[in-house]
Amino acid sequence: MSNDTQGTWLTQEAHDRLQAELEQLSGPARKEIADRIEAAREEGDLKENGGYHAAKEEQGKIEARIRQLTELLKHATVGEADFDGTAEPGTVVTAVIAGDESTFLVGNREIVGEGSDLTVYSPVSPVGAAILGLRAGEKTSYTAPNGKEIAVEVTKVERYEP
């Protein structure tokens, strides 16, 4: 499942969580921030109105997150990731990278949500792209951004279970 052709893979749970966040931001959060901006405007001089500037900054962050979620959900592939034992989006991979063992999810940080300590590598990152299609026991390498060649050995591939 390629991230480029099919968008981001999401579990149903992650999709529902992101959809609920989008609805909250698009409805109640937008209204609340608009009310705060209006109240701050009524205080007068906008140049020295810290509440107004803080509310406008928060409004910008909310609108950016709404755009991000809208785009992500529009192109998301939802459901169980295909699993045939190869590393692909939606799998948890254990690999020895430059001599150190690491366990990570191949996919998007949005899949695991906040509070998870599971490392996530995008399928288009150097590590993610290098291991796509590999099975346990297979080796490869990738070129790091600094130009160094990094050896990778996949030791385990599992389906991601939230």
N, C-alpha and C. Protein backbone atom coordinates (compact mmCIF):
# COMPACT_ATOMS: atom_id res chain seq x y z
N MET A 1 0.86 -1.17 0.00
CA MET A 1 0.00 0.00 0.00
C MET A 1 0.90 1.23 0.00
N SER A 2 0.96 1.95 -1.05
CA SER A 2 1.84 3.09 -1.17
C SER A 2 1.19 4.35 -0.62
N ASN A 3 1.97 5.09 0.14
CA ASN A 3 1.49 6.33 0.71
C ASN A 3 1.24 7.36 -0.39
N ASP A 4 2.00 7.28 -1.48
CA ASP A 4 1.87 8.26 -2.55
C ASP A 4 0.60 8.05 -3.37
N THR A 5 0.23 6.80 -3.64
CA THR A 5 -0.90 6.56 -4.52
C THR A 5 -2.22 6.45 -3.79
N GLN A 6 -2.21 6.01 -2.54
CA GLN A 6 -3.46 5.79 -1.85
C GLN A 6 -3.66 6.68 -0.63
N GLY A 7 -2.77 7.59 -0.37
CA GLY A 7 -2.91 8.44 0.78
C GLY A 7 -2.40 7.76 2.04
N THR A 8 -2.77 8.28 3.16
CA THR A 8 -2.32 7.77 4.45
C THR A 8 -3.22 6.64 4.91
N TRP A 9 -2.61 5.56 5.39
CA TRP A 9 -3.39 4.47 5.95
C TRP A 9 -3.75 4.83 7.39
N LEU A 10 -5.02 4.64 7.76
CA LEU A 10 -5.49 4.89 9.12
C LEU A 10 -6.35 3.72 9.59
N THR A 11 -6.25 3.41 10.87
CA THR A 11 -7.18 2.45 11.45
C THR A 11 -8.54 3.13 11.52
N GLN A 12 -9.59 2.34 11.67
CA GLN A 12 -10.93 2.93 11.81
C GLN A 12 -10.97 3.80 13.07
N GLU A 13 -10.33 3.34 14.13
CA GLU A 13 -10.29 4.11 15.39
C GLU A 13 -9.61 5.47 15.18
N ALA A 14 -8.47 5.48 14.48
CA ALA A 14 -7.77 6.74 14.23
C ALA A 14 -8.61 7.65 13.34
N HIS A 15 -9.24 7.09 12.32
CA HIS A 15 -10.09 7.89 11.43
C HIS A 15 -11.23 8.53 12.22
N ASP A 16 -11.89 7.75 13.06
CA ASP A 16 -13.01 8.28 13.85
C ASP A 16 -12.55 9.37 14.81
N ARG A 17 -11.38 9.17 15.42
CA ARG A 17 -10.83 10.16 16.36
C ARG A 17 -10.53 11.47 15.63
N LEU A 18 -9.91 11.37 14.45
CA LEU A 18 -9.58 12.56 13.67
C LEU A 18 -10.83 13.25 13.12
N GLN A 19 -11.82 12.47 12.72
CA GLN A 19 -13.07 13.03 12.24
C GLN A 19 -13.77 13.81 13.35
N ALA A 20 -13.76 13.25 14.57
CA ALA A 20 -14.37 13.94 15.72
C ALA A 20 -13.62 15.23 16.03
N GLU A 21 -12.30 15.19 15.93
CA GLU A 21 -11.51 16.41 16.16
C GLU A 21 -11.84 17.47 15.12
N LEU A 22 -11.96 17.06 13.86
CA LEU A 22 -12.31 17.99 12.79
C LEU A 22 -13.68 18.63 13.03
N GLU A 23 -14.65 17.82 13.43
CA GLU A 23 -15.99 18.35 13.71
C GLU A 23 -15.97 19.32 14.88
N GLN A 24 -15.19 19.03 15.92
CA GLN A 24 -15.08 19.93 17.07
C GLN A 24 -14.44 21.26 16.66
N LEU A 25 -13.36 21.17 15.89
CA LEU A 25 -12.66 22.39 15.47
C LEU A 25 -13.51 23.21 14.51
N SER A 26 -14.20 22.55 13.59
CA SER A 26 -15.00 23.25 12.59
C SER A 26 -16.26 23.87 13.16
N GLY A 27 -16.76 23.34 14.25
CA GLY A 27 -17.99 23.84 14.85
C GLY A 27 -17.75 24.65 16.11
N PRO A 28 -17.83 24.01 17.28
CA PRO A 28 -17.72 24.72 18.56
C PRO A 28 -16.42 25.51 18.74
N ALA A 29 -15.29 24.97 18.33
CA ALA A 29 -14.02 25.68 18.53
C ALA A 29 -13.95 26.94 17.68
N ARG A 30 -14.43 26.86 16.44
CA ARG A 30 -14.45 28.04 15.56
C ARG A 30 -15.34 29.13 16.14
N LYS A 31 -16.52 28.73 16.62
CA LYS A 31 -17.46 29.70 17.21
C LYS A 31 -16.86 30.36 18.44
N GLU A 32 -16.25 29.54 19.30
CA GLU A 32 -15.67 30.07 20.54
C GLU A 32 -14.56 31.08 20.23
N ILE A 33 -13.67 30.77 19.29
CA ILE A 33 -12.58 31.69 18.98
C ILE A 33 -13.10 32.95 18.32
N ALA A 34 -14.13 32.84 17.49
CA ALA A 34 -14.73 34.02 16.87
C ALA A 34 -15.35 34.92 17.94
N ASP A 35 -15.99 34.32 18.94
CA ASP A 35 -16.57 35.10 20.04
C ASP A 35 -15.47 35.80 20.84
N ARG A 36 -14.35 35.10 21.07
CA ARG A 36 -13.24 35.71 21.82
C ARG A 36 -12.63 36.88 21.04
N ILE A 37 -12.51 36.74 19.74
CA ILE A 37 -11.97 37.82 18.91
C ILE A 37 -12.90 39.02 18.95
N GLU A 38 -14.20 38.76 18.82
CA GLU A 38 -15.19 39.85 18.85
C GLU A 38 -15.16 40.57 20.20
N ALA A 39 -15.08 39.82 21.29
CA ALA A 39 -15.02 40.43 22.62
C ALA A 39 -13.76 41.27 22.77
N ALA A 40 -12.64 40.79 22.25
CA ALA A 40 -11.39 41.55 22.34
C ALA A 40 -11.45 42.80 21.48
N ARG A 41 -12.11 42.73 20.33
CA ARG A 41 -12.26 43.91 19.47
C ARG A 41 -13.03 45.02 20.16
N GLU A 42 -14.03 44.62 20.94
CA GLU A 42 -14.87 45.59 21.62
C GLU A 42 -14.11 46.33 22.73
N GLU A 43 -12.95 45.80 23.12
CA GLU A 43 -12.16 46.46 24.15
C GLU A 43 -11.46 47.70 23.62
N GLY A 44 -11.38 47.85 22.31
CA GLY A 44 -10.79 49.08 21.78
C GLY A 44 -9.50 48.83 21.02
N ASP A 45 -8.49 49.67 21.27
CA ASP A 45 -7.21 49.71 20.57
C ASP A 45 -6.63 48.31 20.33
N LEU A 46 -6.63 47.88 19.08
CA LEU A 46 -6.18 46.53 18.75
C LEU A 46 -4.66 46.39 18.76
N LYS A 47 -3.92 47.51 18.61
CA LYS A 47 -2.47 47.45 18.59
C LYS A 47 -1.90 46.92 19.90
N GLU A 48 -2.49 47.31 20.99
CA GLU A 48 -1.97 46.94 22.31
C GLU A 48 -2.89 45.98 23.04
N ASN A 49 -3.71 45.25 22.29
CA ASN A 49 -4.68 44.34 22.88
C ASN A 49 -4.13 42.91 22.80
N GLY A 50 -3.48 42.46 23.89
CA GLY A 50 -2.88 41.14 23.93
C GLY A 50 -3.89 40.02 23.73
N GLY A 51 -5.09 40.17 24.30
CA GLY A 51 -6.13 39.15 24.17
C GLY A 51 -6.55 38.97 22.72
N TYR A 52 -6.64 40.08 21.99
CA TYR A 52 -7.02 40.03 20.58
C TYR A 52 -5.96 39.29 19.77
N HIS A 53 -4.69 39.65 19.99
CA HIS A 53 -3.61 39.03 19.23
C HIS A 53 -3.47 37.54 19.56
N ALA A 54 -3.65 37.18 20.82
CA ALA A 54 -3.59 35.77 21.21
C ALA A 54 -4.73 34.98 20.56
N ALA A 55 -5.92 35.57 20.55
CA ALA A 55 -7.07 34.90 19.95
C ALA A 55 -6.89 34.75 18.43
N LYS A 56 -6.34 35.76 17.77
CA LYS A 56 -6.10 35.67 16.33
C LYS A 56 -5.05 34.59 16.03
N GLU A 57 -4.03 34.49 16.88
CA GLU A 57 -3.00 33.46 16.69
C GLU A 57 -3.62 32.07 16.86
N GLU A 58 -4.44 31.92 17.88
CA GLU A 58 -5.10 30.63 18.11
C GLU A 58 -6.03 30.30 16.94
N GLN A 59 -6.72 31.31 16.41
CA GLN A 59 -7.60 31.10 15.26
C GLN A 59 -6.79 30.57 14.06
N GLY A 60 -5.61 31.12 13.86
CA GLY A 60 -4.75 30.66 12.76
C GLY A 60 -4.35 29.20 12.94
N LYS A 61 -4.05 28.81 14.18
CA LYS A 61 -3.68 27.43 14.46
C LYS A 61 -4.86 26.49 14.23
N ILE A 62 -6.03 26.91 14.65
CA ILE A 62 -7.24 26.09 14.45
C ILE A 62 -7.51 25.91 12.97
N GLU A 63 -7.43 26.99 12.21
CA GLU A 63 -7.69 26.90 10.76
C GLU A 63 -6.66 26.03 10.06
N ALA A 64 -5.40 26.10 10.49
CA ALA A 64 -4.36 25.26 9.90
C ALA A 64 -4.63 23.79 10.20
N ARG A 65 -5.03 23.48 11.43
CA ARG A 65 -5.32 22.10 11.80
C ARG A 65 -6.55 21.59 11.04
N ILE A 66 -7.55 22.45 10.84
CA ILE A 66 -8.74 22.06 10.07
C ILE A 66 -8.32 21.69 8.65
N ARG A 67 -7.46 22.51 8.03
CA ARG A 67 -6.99 22.22 6.66
C ARG A 67 -6.20 20.91 6.64
N GLN A 68 -5.34 20.71 7.64
CA GLN A 68 -4.53 19.50 7.71
C GLN A 68 -5.42 18.26 7.84
N LEU A 69 -6.38 18.30 8.75
CA LEU A 69 -7.27 17.16 8.97
C LEU A 69 -8.14 16.89 7.75
N THR A 70 -8.66 17.94 7.13
CA THR A 70 -9.50 17.79 5.95
C THR A 70 -8.73 17.08 4.84
N GLU A 71 -7.51 17.51 4.58
CA GLU A 71 -6.69 16.90 3.53
C GLU A 71 -6.33 15.46 3.89
N LEU A 72 -5.95 15.22 5.13
CA LEU A 72 -5.58 13.88 5.57
C LEU A 72 -6.75 12.91 5.42
N LEU A 73 -7.93 13.31 5.91
CA LEU A 73 -9.09 12.43 5.86
C LEU A 73 -9.59 12.22 4.43
N LYS A 74 -9.44 13.24 3.58
CA LYS A 74 -9.89 13.13 2.20
C LYS A 74 -9.11 12.06 1.44
N HIS A 75 -7.82 11.90 1.77
CA HIS A 75 -6.97 10.97 1.04
C HIS A 75 -6.61 9.72 1.84
N ALA A 76 -7.26 9.52 2.97
CA ALA A 76 -6.91 8.39 3.84
C ALA A 76 -7.50 7.08 3.32
N THR A 77 -6.76 6.02 3.54
CA THR A 77 -7.24 4.66 3.31
C THR A 77 -7.54 4.12 4.71
N VAL A 78 -8.79 3.72 4.94
CA VAL A 78 -9.23 3.32 6.27
C VAL A 78 -9.48 1.82 6.30
N GLY A 79 -9.06 1.20 7.39
CA GLY A 79 -9.33 -0.22 7.57
C GLY A 79 -8.08 -0.98 7.95
N GLU A 80 -8.18 -2.26 7.88
CA GLU A 80 -7.04 -3.11 8.21
C GLU A 80 -6.01 -3.02 7.09
N ALA A 81 -4.78 -2.87 7.49
CA ALA A 81 -3.71 -2.86 6.50
C ALA A 81 -3.54 -4.28 5.96
N ASP A 82 -3.28 -4.38 4.66
CA ASP A 82 -2.97 -5.69 4.10
C ASP A 82 -1.71 -6.18 4.80
N PHE A 83 -1.67 -7.46 5.13
CA PHE A 83 -0.49 -7.96 5.82
C PHE A 83 -0.09 -9.31 5.28
N ASP A 84 1.07 -9.35 4.65
CA ASP A 84 1.60 -10.61 4.14
C ASP A 84 3.00 -10.87 4.69
N GLY A 85 3.32 -10.21 5.81
CA GLY A 85 4.63 -10.40 6.44
C GLY A 85 5.68 -9.43 5.98
N THR A 86 5.31 -8.51 5.07
CA THR A 86 6.28 -7.52 4.60
C THR A 86 6.05 -6.19 5.29
N ALA A 87 7.10 -5.42 5.38
CA ALA A 87 7.02 -4.08 5.97
C ALA A 87 6.28 -3.17 5.00
N GLU A 88 5.22 -2.55 5.47
CA GLU A 88 4.41 -1.63 4.67
C GLU A 88 3.66 -0.72 5.63
N PRO A 89 3.00 0.33 5.13
CA PRO A 89 2.23 1.18 6.03
C PRO A 89 1.23 0.35 6.84
N GLY A 90 1.22 0.60 8.14
CA GLY A 90 0.33 -0.15 9.02
C GLY A 90 1.00 -1.33 9.69
N THR A 91 2.31 -1.45 9.53
CA THR A 91 3.03 -2.52 10.21
C THR A 91 4.00 -1.95 11.23
N VAL A 92 4.24 -2.75 12.27
CA VAL A 92 5.23 -2.41 13.28
C VAL A 92 6.46 -3.25 12.96
N VAL A 93 7.58 -2.57 12.79
CA VAL A 93 8.81 -3.22 12.36
C VAL A 93 9.85 -3.11 13.48
N THR A 94 10.51 -4.22 13.73
CA THR A 94 11.68 -4.21 14.60
C THR A 94 12.87 -4.42 13.68
N ALA A 95 13.85 -3.53 13.78
CA ALA A 95 15.01 -3.59 12.89
C ALA A 95 16.26 -3.16 13.64
N VAL A 96 17.36 -3.67 13.18
CA VAL A 96 18.65 -3.22 13.69
C VAL A 96 19.14 -2.17 12.69
N ILE A 97 19.22 -0.93 13.17
CA ILE A 97 19.61 0.19 12.32
C ILE A 97 20.93 0.73 12.84
N ALA A 98 21.96 0.65 12.03
CA ALA A 98 23.30 1.11 12.41
C ALA A 98 23.73 0.48 13.73
N GLY A 99 23.38 -0.80 13.93
CA GLY A 99 23.79 -1.53 15.12
C GLY A 99 22.87 -1.43 16.32
N ASP A 100 21.86 -0.56 16.26
CA ASP A 100 20.92 -0.40 17.37
C ASP A 100 19.55 -0.94 16.99
N GLU A 101 18.95 -1.73 17.90
CA GLU A 101 17.61 -2.26 17.63
C GLU A 101 16.56 -1.18 17.88
N SER A 102 15.61 -1.09 17.00
CA SER A 102 14.55 -0.08 17.08
C SER A 102 13.23 -0.71 16.64
N THR A 103 12.15 -0.36 17.34
CA THR A 103 10.81 -0.81 16.95
C THR A 103 10.00 0.43 16.60
N PHE A 104 9.33 0.40 15.46
CA PHE A 104 8.61 1.58 14.99
C PHE A 104 7.44 1.17 14.10
N LEU A 105 6.52 2.09 13.97
CA LEU A 105 5.38 1.93 13.07
C LEU A 105 5.72 2.60 11.75
N VAL A 106 5.40 1.95 10.66
CA VAL A 106 5.53 2.57 9.35
C VAL A 106 4.17 3.17 9.04
N GLY A 107 4.11 4.47 8.90
CA GLY A 107 2.83 5.13 8.64
C GLY A 107 2.87 6.59 8.97
N ASN A 108 1.83 7.05 9.64
CA ASN A 108 1.64 8.46 9.96
C ASN A 108 1.43 8.60 11.46
N ARG A 109 1.99 9.61 12.08
CA ARG A 109 1.88 9.86 13.51
C ARG A 109 0.41 9.92 13.96
N GLU A 110 -0.47 10.33 13.08
CA GLU A 110 -1.89 10.44 13.42
C GLU A 110 -2.51 9.09 13.74
N ILE A 111 -1.91 8.01 13.28
CA ILE A 111 -2.45 6.68 13.53
C ILE A 111 -2.44 6.35 15.02
N VAL A 112 -1.33 6.66 15.68
CA VAL A 112 -1.19 6.28 17.08
C VAL A 112 -1.75 7.32 18.04
N GLY A 113 -1.88 8.55 17.61
CA GLY A 113 -2.44 9.59 18.47
C GLY A 113 -1.48 10.03 19.55
N GLU A 114 -1.95 10.97 20.36
CA GLU A 114 -1.13 11.50 21.44
C GLU A 114 -0.97 10.49 22.55
N GLY A 115 0.12 10.58 23.26
CA GLY A 115 0.33 9.72 24.41
C GLY A 115 1.03 8.42 24.11
N SER A 116 1.22 8.08 22.86
CA SER A 116 1.91 6.85 22.50
C SER A 116 3.40 7.13 22.40
N ASP A 117 4.20 6.20 22.88
CA ASP A 117 5.65 6.37 22.77
C ASP A 117 6.23 5.58 21.60
N LEU A 118 5.35 5.02 20.76
CA LEU A 118 5.79 4.27 19.59
C LEU A 118 6.34 5.25 18.55
N THR A 119 7.56 5.02 18.12
CA THR A 119 8.17 5.84 17.08
C THR A 119 7.45 5.57 15.77
N VAL A 120 7.28 6.59 14.95
CA VAL A 120 6.60 6.44 13.66
C VAL A 120 7.51 6.99 12.56
N TYR A 121 7.70 6.18 11.52
CA TYR A 121 8.44 6.63 10.34
C TYR A 121 7.49 6.63 9.16
N SER A 122 7.49 7.71 8.43
CA SER A 122 6.71 7.81 7.21
C SER A 122 7.26 6.83 6.19
N PRO A 123 6.39 6.26 5.35
CA PRO A 123 6.87 5.37 4.29
C PRO A 123 7.77 6.09 3.28
N VAL A 124 7.75 7.41 3.28
CA VAL A 124 8.61 8.15 2.34
C VAL A 124 9.86 8.70 3.01
N SER A 125 10.02 8.44 4.32
CA SER A 125 11.26 8.83 5.00
C SER A 125 12.38 7.90 4.51
N PRO A 126 13.64 8.27 4.72
CA PRO A 126 14.73 7.39 4.27
C PRO A 126 14.62 5.98 4.84
N VAL A 127 14.37 5.85 6.16
CA VAL A 127 14.25 4.52 6.77
C VAL A 127 13.01 3.81 6.24
N GLY A 128 11.87 4.50 6.24
CA GLY A 128 10.62 3.90 5.79
C GLY A 128 10.71 3.40 4.36
N ALA A 129 11.24 4.22 3.47
CA ALA A 129 11.35 3.83 2.06
C ALA A 129 12.29 2.64 1.89
N ALA A 130 13.36 2.60 2.69
CA ALA A 130 14.35 1.53 2.56
C ALA A 130 13.77 0.17 2.95
N ILE A 131 12.90 0.14 3.96
CA ILE A 131 12.42 -1.15 4.45
C ILE A 131 11.12 -1.62 3.82
N LEU A 132 10.45 -0.76 3.07
CA LEU A 132 9.19 -1.17 2.44
C LEU A 132 9.39 -2.43 1.60
N GLY A 133 8.53 -3.41 1.82
CA GLY A 133 8.57 -4.64 1.06
C GLY A 133 9.52 -5.69 1.62
N LEU A 134 10.27 -5.36 2.68
CA LEU A 134 11.18 -6.34 3.26
C LEU A 134 10.47 -7.21 4.29
N ARG A 135 11.01 -8.40 4.50
CA ARG A 135 10.50 -9.34 5.50
C ARG A 135 11.57 -9.54 6.57
N ALA A 136 11.18 -10.16 7.68
CA ALA A 136 12.12 -10.47 8.75
C ALA A 136 13.30 -11.25 8.18
N GLY A 137 14.49 -10.86 8.57
CA GLY A 137 15.70 -11.52 8.11
C GLY A 137 16.36 -10.85 6.92
N GLU A 138 15.65 -9.93 6.27
CA GLU A 138 16.23 -9.26 5.09
C GLU A 138 16.99 -8.01 5.51
N LYS A 139 18.01 -7.69 4.71
CA LYS A 139 18.88 -6.54 4.99
C LYS A 139 18.84 -5.56 3.84
N THR A 140 19.11 -4.31 4.17
CA THR A 140 19.20 -3.25 3.17
C THR A 140 20.05 -2.14 3.76
N SER A 141 20.12 -1.04 3.07
CA SER A 141 20.76 0.16 3.59
C SER A 141 20.09 1.36 2.94
N TYR A 142 20.31 2.51 3.54
CA TYR A 142 19.79 3.74 2.98
C TYR A 142 20.81 4.84 3.20
N THR A 143 20.69 5.90 2.44
CA THR A 143 21.59 7.03 2.58
C THR A 143 20.92 8.06 3.48
N ALA A 144 21.58 8.38 4.59
CA ALA A 144 21.07 9.37 5.53
C ALA A 144 21.21 10.76 4.92
N PRO A 145 20.48 11.74 5.46
CA PRO A 145 20.58 13.10 4.93
C PRO A 145 22.02 13.66 4.93
N ASN A 146 22.86 13.16 5.85
CA ASN A 146 24.25 13.63 5.89
C ASN A 146 25.15 12.93 4.88
N GLY A 147 24.57 11.99 4.08
CA GLY A 147 25.32 11.29 3.06
C GLY A 147 25.88 9.96 3.50
N LYS A 148 25.76 9.62 4.77
CA LYS A 148 26.26 8.35 5.29
C LYS A 148 25.36 7.21 4.89
N GLU A 149 25.96 6.06 4.59
CA GLU A 149 25.21 4.85 4.27
C GLU A 149 24.91 4.13 5.59
N ILE A 150 23.62 3.86 5.86
CA ILE A 150 23.20 3.25 7.11
C ILE A 150 22.66 1.84 6.82
N ALA A 151 23.22 0.85 7.52
CA ALA A 151 22.79 -0.54 7.35
C ALA A 151 21.54 -0.81 8.18
N VAL A 152 20.62 -1.59 7.60
CA VAL A 152 19.36 -1.95 8.27
C VAL A 152 19.11 -3.44 8.08
N GLU A 153 18.76 -4.12 9.19
CA GLU A 153 18.32 -5.51 9.11
C GLU A 153 16.97 -5.62 9.79
N VAL A 154 15.96 -6.04 9.04
CA VAL A 154 14.63 -6.22 9.59
C VAL A 154 14.61 -7.53 10.36
N THR A 155 14.19 -7.49 11.64
CA THR A 155 14.17 -8.70 12.44
C THR A 155 12.76 -9.19 12.73
N LYS A 156 11.78 -8.29 12.61
CA LYS A 156 10.39 -8.69 12.91
C LYS A 156 9.45 -7.70 12.23
N VAL A 157 8.34 -8.21 11.68
CA VAL A 157 7.31 -7.37 11.08
C VAL A 157 5.96 -7.88 11.59
N GLU A 158 5.16 -6.99 12.17
CA GLU A 158 3.85 -7.35 12.70
C GLU A 158 2.81 -6.36 12.22
N ARG A 159 1.57 -6.80 12.19
CA ARG A 159 0.45 -5.90 11.90
C ARG A 159 0.30 -4.95 13.09
N TYR A 160 0.03 -3.68 12.83
CA TYR A 160 -0.20 -2.71 13.91
C TYR A 160 -1.55 -2.98 14.57
N GLU A 161 -1.55 -3.10 15.87
CA GLU A 161 -2.78 -3.26 16.66
C GLU A 161 -2.84 -2.11 17.65
N PRO A 162 -3.79 -1.20 17.50
CA PRO A 162 -3.86 -0.04 18.41
C PRO A 162 -4.12 -0.43 19.85
